[in-house]
């Protein structure tokens, strides 16, 4: 696989490398996350809001568990319980959000709960390009990984 290109807000790691992080197991590329999920090594937890997954798209087979819920972006009171139910003991959790920011908070919380958790760099949509539009600079979709839209 090829190395990722740098994004405007997060440094990228080669597709097979784990980047060290404070408070959780590390940052990984979308490609490595997809490999871990395909091999059964990890559960992909999509922490975007229900509205984002419904309107923008989702990863088939992922667990939709909002970290914050729209409107108002209030913390999901059922996050801990949902995460414990979604990730079997001994499996990793790979956290996905829009751009790889909320998923850091979710990975830190998962770690506090005793789950080996990773943040997926670039998120589902990637960072905004020079025109302020997502989907053109990195992200799960941009990398050609499986996704669907309703």
C-alpha atoms as a PDB file:
ATOM      1  CA  UNK A   1       0.000   0.000   0.000  1.00  0.00           C
ATOM      2  CA  UNK A   2       1.033   3.568  -0.492  1.00  0.00           C
ATOM      3  CA  UNK A   3       1.702   6.123   2.202  1.00  0.00           C
ATOM      4  CA  UNK A   4      -0.985   8.635   3.045  1.00  0.00           C
ATOM      5  CA  UNK A   5      -0.546  12.252   2.149  1.00  0.00           C
ATOM      6  CA  UNK A   6      -0.603  14.841   4.894  1.00  0.00           C
ATOM      7  CA  UNK A   7      -3.876  16.524   5.750  1.00  0.00           C
ATOM      8  CA  UNK A   8      -4.282  20.028   7.055  1.00  0.00           C
ATOM      9  CA  UNK A   9      -5.063  19.142  10.677  1.00  0.00           C
ATOM     10  CA  UNK A  10      -3.677  15.670  11.351  1.00  0.00           C
ATOM     11  CA  UNK A  11      -0.420  14.098  10.428  1.00  0.00           C
ATOM     12  CA  UNK A  12      -0.730  10.844   8.581  1.00  0.00           C
ATOM     13  CA  UNK A  13       1.092   7.594   9.063  1.00  0.00           C
ATOM     14  CA  UNK A  14       2.058   4.984   6.512  1.00  0.00           C
ATOM     15  CA  UNK A  15      -0.940   2.746   5.877  1.00  0.00           C
ATOM     16  CA  UNK A  16       0.413  -0.076   8.068  1.00  0.00           C
ATOM     17  CA  UNK A  17       1.783   1.995  10.951  1.00  0.00           C
ATOM     18  CA  UNK A  18       0.262   2.920  14.292  1.00  0.00           C
ATOM     19  CA  UNK A  19       1.020   6.484  15.333  1.00  0.00           C
ATOM     20  CA  UNK A  20       1.448   6.855  19.102  1.00  0.00           C
ATOM     21  CA  UNK A  21      -1.162   8.970  20.878  1.00  0.00           C
ATOM     22  CA  UNK A  22      -1.800  10.205  24.401  1.00  0.00           C
ATOM     23  CA  UNK A  23      -4.727   8.608  26.211  1.00  0.00           C
ATOM     24  CA  UNK A  24      -5.570   5.841  23.718  1.00  0.00           C
ATOM     25  CA  UNK A  25      -3.805   3.104  21.713  1.00  0.00           C
ATOM     26  CA  UNK A  26      -2.943   5.271  18.704  1.00  0.00           C
ATOM     27  CA  UNK A  27      -3.899   6.800  15.366  1.00  0.00           C
ATOM     28  CA  UNK A  28      -4.195   4.623  12.273  1.00  0.00           C
ATOM     29  CA  UNK A  29      -4.864   5.109   8.587  1.00  0.00           C
ATOM     30  CA  UNK A  30      -8.256   4.279   7.113  1.00  0.00           C
ATOM     31  CA  UNK A  31      -6.607   1.442   5.168  1.00  0.00           C
ATOM     32  CA  UNK A  32      -5.170  -0.210   8.288  1.00  0.00           C
ATOM     33  CA  UNK A  33      -8.524   0.138  10.048  1.00  0.00           C
ATOM     34  CA  UNK A  34     -10.227  -1.560   7.103  1.00  0.00           C
ATOM     35  CA  UNK A  35      -7.673  -4.399   7.214  1.00  0.00           C
ATOM     36  CA  UNK A  36      -8.210  -4.950  10.945  1.00  0.00           C
ATOM     37  CA  UNK A  37     -11.989  -4.967  10.533  1.00  0.00           C
ATOM     38  CA  UNK A  38     -11.856  -7.354   7.544  1.00  0.00           C
ATOM     39  CA  UNK A  39      -9.638  -9.775   9.493  1.00  0.00           C
ATOM     40  CA  UNK A  40     -11.951  -9.707  12.528  1.00  0.00           C
ATOM     41  CA  UNK A  41      -9.247  -8.115  14.655  1.00  0.00           C
ATOM     42  CA  UNK A  42     -11.274  -4.943  15.287  1.00  0.00           C
ATOM     43  CA  UNK A  43     -14.788  -3.539  15.389  1.00  0.00           C
ATOM     44  CA  UNK A  44     -15.367  -0.295  13.487  1.00  0.00           C
ATOM     45  CA  UNK A  45     -17.375   2.078  15.676  1.00  0.00           C
ATOM     46  CA  UNK A  46     -18.799   5.041  13.755  1.00  0.00           C
ATOM     47  CA  UNK A  47     -19.187   7.773  16.367  1.00  0.00           C
ATOM     48  CA  UNK A  48     -20.825  10.309  14.051  1.00  0.00           C
ATOM     49  CA  UNK A  49     -24.392  11.356  14.787  1.00  0.00           C
ATOM     50  CA  UNK A  50     -27.286   9.301  13.444  1.00  0.00           C
ATOM     51  CA  UNK A  51     -28.076  12.208  11.102  1.00  0.00           C
ATOM     52  CA  UNK A  52     -24.542  12.212   9.639  1.00  0.00           C
ATOM     53  CA  UNK A  53     -24.604   8.488   8.955  1.00  0.00           C
ATOM     54  CA  UNK A  54     -28.077   8.734   7.415  1.00  0.00           C
ATOM     55  CA  UNK A  55     -27.384  11.759   5.195  1.00  0.00           C
ATOM     56  CA  UNK A  56     -23.684  11.456   4.334  1.00  0.00           C
ATOM     57  CA  UNK A  57     -23.108   7.696   4.276  1.00  0.00           C
ATOM     58  CA  UNK A  58     -21.933   4.825   6.429  1.00  0.00           C
ATOM     59  CA  UNK A  59     -19.551   1.879   6.440  1.00  0.00           C
ATOM     60  CA  UNK A  60     -21.380  -1.449   5.983  1.00  0.00           C
ATOM     61  CA  UNK A  61     -20.923  -3.677   9.030  1.00  0.00           C
ATOM     62  CA  UNK A  62     -19.853  -0.819  11.289  1.00  0.00           C
ATOM     63  CA  UNK A  63     -21.479  -0.143  14.635  1.00  0.00           C
ATOM     64  CA  UNK A  64     -23.269   3.209  14.622  1.00  0.00           C
ATOM     65  CA  UNK A  65     -22.822   4.652  18.110  1.00  0.00           C
ATOM     66  CA  UNK A  66     -22.924   8.437  18.303  1.00  0.00           C
ATOM     67  CA  UNK A  67     -20.435  10.120  20.630  1.00  0.00           C
ATOM     68  CA  UNK A  68     -22.515  13.300  20.418  1.00  0.00           C
ATOM     69  CA  UNK A  69     -26.016  13.516  19.015  1.00  0.00           C
ATOM     70  CA  UNK A  70     -27.496  16.117  16.685  1.00  0.00           C
ATOM     71  CA  UNK A  71     -29.126  18.589  17.153  1.00  0.00           C
ATOM     72  CA  UNK A  72     -27.137  20.339  19.843  1.00  0.00           C
ATOM     73  CA  UNK A  73     -24.306  17.786  19.819  1.00  0.00           C
ATOM     74  CA  UNK A  74     -24.991  16.644  23.389  1.00  0.00           C
ATOM     75  CA  UNK A  75     -22.944  13.705  24.654  1.00  0.00           C
ATOM     76  CA  UNK A  76     -24.663  10.359  24.174  1.00  0.00           C
ATOM     77  CA  UNK A  77     -25.590   9.117  27.658  1.00  0.00           C
ATOM     78  CA  UNK A  78     -25.700   5.546  26.355  1.00  0.00           C
ATOM     79  CA  UNK A  79     -22.240   5.590  24.777  1.00  0.00           C
ATOM     80  CA  UNK A  80     -20.450   3.512  27.434  1.00  0.00           C
ATOM     81  CA  UNK A  81     -23.110   0.812  27.525  1.00  0.00           C
ATOM     82  CA  UNK A  82     -23.344   0.693  23.729  1.00  0.00           C
ATOM     83  CA  UNK A  83     -19.583   0.457  23.328  1.00  0.00           C
ATOM     84  CA  UNK A  84     -19.246  -2.365  25.844  1.00  0.00           C
ATOM     85  CA  UNK A  85     -21.993  -4.268  23.992  1.00  0.00           C
ATOM     86  CA  UNK A  86     -20.436  -3.630  20.559  1.00  0.00           C
ATOM     87  CA  UNK A  87     -16.808  -4.586  21.197  1.00  0.00           C
ATOM     88  CA  UNK A  88     -16.193  -8.135  22.419  1.00  0.00           C
ATOM     89  CA  UNK A  89     -13.432  -8.596  24.968  1.00  0.00           C
ATOM     90  CA  UNK A  90     -10.073  -9.057  23.278  1.00  0.00           C
ATOM     91  CA  UNK A  91     -10.982  -7.156  20.096  1.00  0.00           C
ATOM     92  CA  UNK A  92      -9.816  -3.678  19.186  1.00  0.00           C
ATOM     93  CA  UNK A  93     -12.138  -0.758  18.567  1.00  0.00           C
ATOM     94  CA  UNK A  94     -11.362   1.540  15.649  1.00  0.00           C
ATOM     95  CA  UNK A  95     -13.224   4.829  15.978  1.00  0.00           C
ATOM     96  CA  UNK A  96     -14.485   6.787  12.969  1.00  0.00           C
ATOM     97  CA  UNK A  97     -16.022  10.266  12.822  1.00  0.00           C
ATOM     98  CA  UNK A  98     -16.276  12.920  10.111  1.00  0.00           C
ATOM     99  CA  UNK A  99     -12.690  14.155  10.186  1.00  0.00           C
ATOM    100  CA  UNK A 100     -10.842  12.243  12.920  1.00  0.00           C
ATOM    101  CA  UNK A 101     -11.487  14.662  15.792  1.00  0.00           C
ATOM    102  CA  UNK A 102     -14.539  13.412  17.764  1.00  0.00           C
ATOM    103  CA  UNK A 103     -13.194   9.901  17.358  1.00  0.00           C
ATOM    104  CA  UNK A 104     -10.166  10.885  19.466  1.00  0.00           C
ATOM    105  CA  UNK A 105     -12.460  11.715  22.401  1.00  0.00           C
ATOM    106  CA  UNK A 106     -14.359   8.467  21.852  1.00  0.00           C
ATOM    107  CA  UNK A 107     -11.095   6.472  21.719  1.00  0.00           C
ATOM    108  CA  UNK A 108      -9.972   8.061  24.994  1.00  0.00           C
ATOM    109  CA  UNK A 109     -13.279   7.129  26.632  1.00  0.00           C
ATOM    110  CA  UNK A 110     -13.065   3.571  25.279  1.00  0.00           C
ATOM    111  CA  UNK A 111      -9.569   3.298  26.746  1.00  0.00           C
ATOM    112  CA  UNK A 112     -10.901   4.426  30.130  1.00  0.00           C
ATOM    113  CA  UNK A 113     -13.421   1.575  29.839  1.00  0.00           C
ATOM    114  CA  UNK A 114     -10.596  -0.926  29.270  1.00  0.00           C
ATOM    115  CA  UNK A 115     -11.005  -1.283  25.493  1.00  0.00           C
ATOM    116  CA  UNK A 116      -7.974  -1.096  23.179  1.00  0.00           C
ATOM    117  CA  UNK A 117      -9.104   1.798  20.995  1.00  0.00           C
ATOM    118  CA  UNK A 118      -7.669   3.588  17.965  1.00  0.00           C
ATOM    119  CA  UNK A 119      -8.604   6.780  16.137  1.00  0.00           C
ATOM    120  CA  UNK A 120      -8.970   6.535  12.358  1.00  0.00           C
ATOM    121  CA  UNK A 121      -7.032   9.447  10.858  1.00  0.00           C
ATOM    122  CA  UNK A 122      -8.868  11.577   8.269  1.00  0.00           C
ATOM    123  CA  UNK A 123     -12.300  10.296   9.371  1.00  0.00           C
ATOM    124  CA  UNK A 124     -15.090   9.442   6.962  1.00  0.00           C
ATOM    125  CA  UNK A 125     -15.055  12.685   4.943  1.00  0.00           C
ATOM    126  CA  UNK A 126     -11.515  14.010   5.430  1.00  0.00           C
ATOM    127  CA  UNK A 127     -10.531  17.614   5.955  1.00  0.00           C
ATOM    128  CA  UNK A 128     -11.916  20.559   3.989  1.00  0.00           C
ATOM    129  CA  UNK A 129     -10.076  21.450   0.791  1.00  0.00           C
ATOM    130  CA  UNK A 130      -9.116  24.988  -0.265  1.00  0.00           C
ATOM    131  CA  UNK A 131     -12.793  25.625  -1.113  1.00  0.00           C
ATOM    132  CA  UNK A 132     -14.032  24.469   2.293  1.00  0.00           C
ATOM    133  CA  UNK A 133     -15.470  21.228   0.887  1.00  0.00           C
ATOM    134  CA  UNK A 134     -14.946  17.788   2.396  1.00  0.00           C
ATOM    135  CA  UNK A 135     -14.497  14.570   0.456  1.00  0.00           C
ATOM    136  CA  UNK A 136     -11.548  15.728  -1.664  1.00  0.00           C
ATOM    137  CA  UNK A 137      -8.711  15.559   0.899  1.00  0.00           C
ATOM    138  CA  UNK A 138      -8.379  12.183   2.588  1.00  0.00           C
ATOM    139  CA  UNK A 139     -10.988  10.215   4.469  1.00  0.00           C
ATOM    140  CA  UNK A 140     -12.560   6.765   4.327  1.00  0.00           C
ATOM    141  CA  UNK A 141     -14.632   7.553   1.215  1.00  0.00           C
ATOM    142  CA  UNK A 142     -11.779   9.312  -0.590  1.00  0.00           C
ATOM    143  CA  UNK A 143      -9.521   6.286  -0.019  1.00  0.00           C
ATOM    144  CA  UNK A 144     -12.004   4.066  -1.883  1.00  0.00           C
ATOM    145  CA  UNK A 145     -12.944   1.949   1.117  1.00  0.00           C
ATOM    146  CA  UNK A 146     -16.421   0.352   1.364  1.00  0.00           C
ATOM    147  CA  UNK A 147     -19.326   2.684   2.131  1.00  0.00           C
ATOM    148  CA  UNK A 148     -22.980   3.118   1.286  1.00  0.00           C
ATOM    149  CA  UNK A 149     -25.431   5.968   1.214  1.00  0.00           C
ATOM    150  CA  UNK A 150     -29.189   5.874   1.828  1.00  0.00           C
END
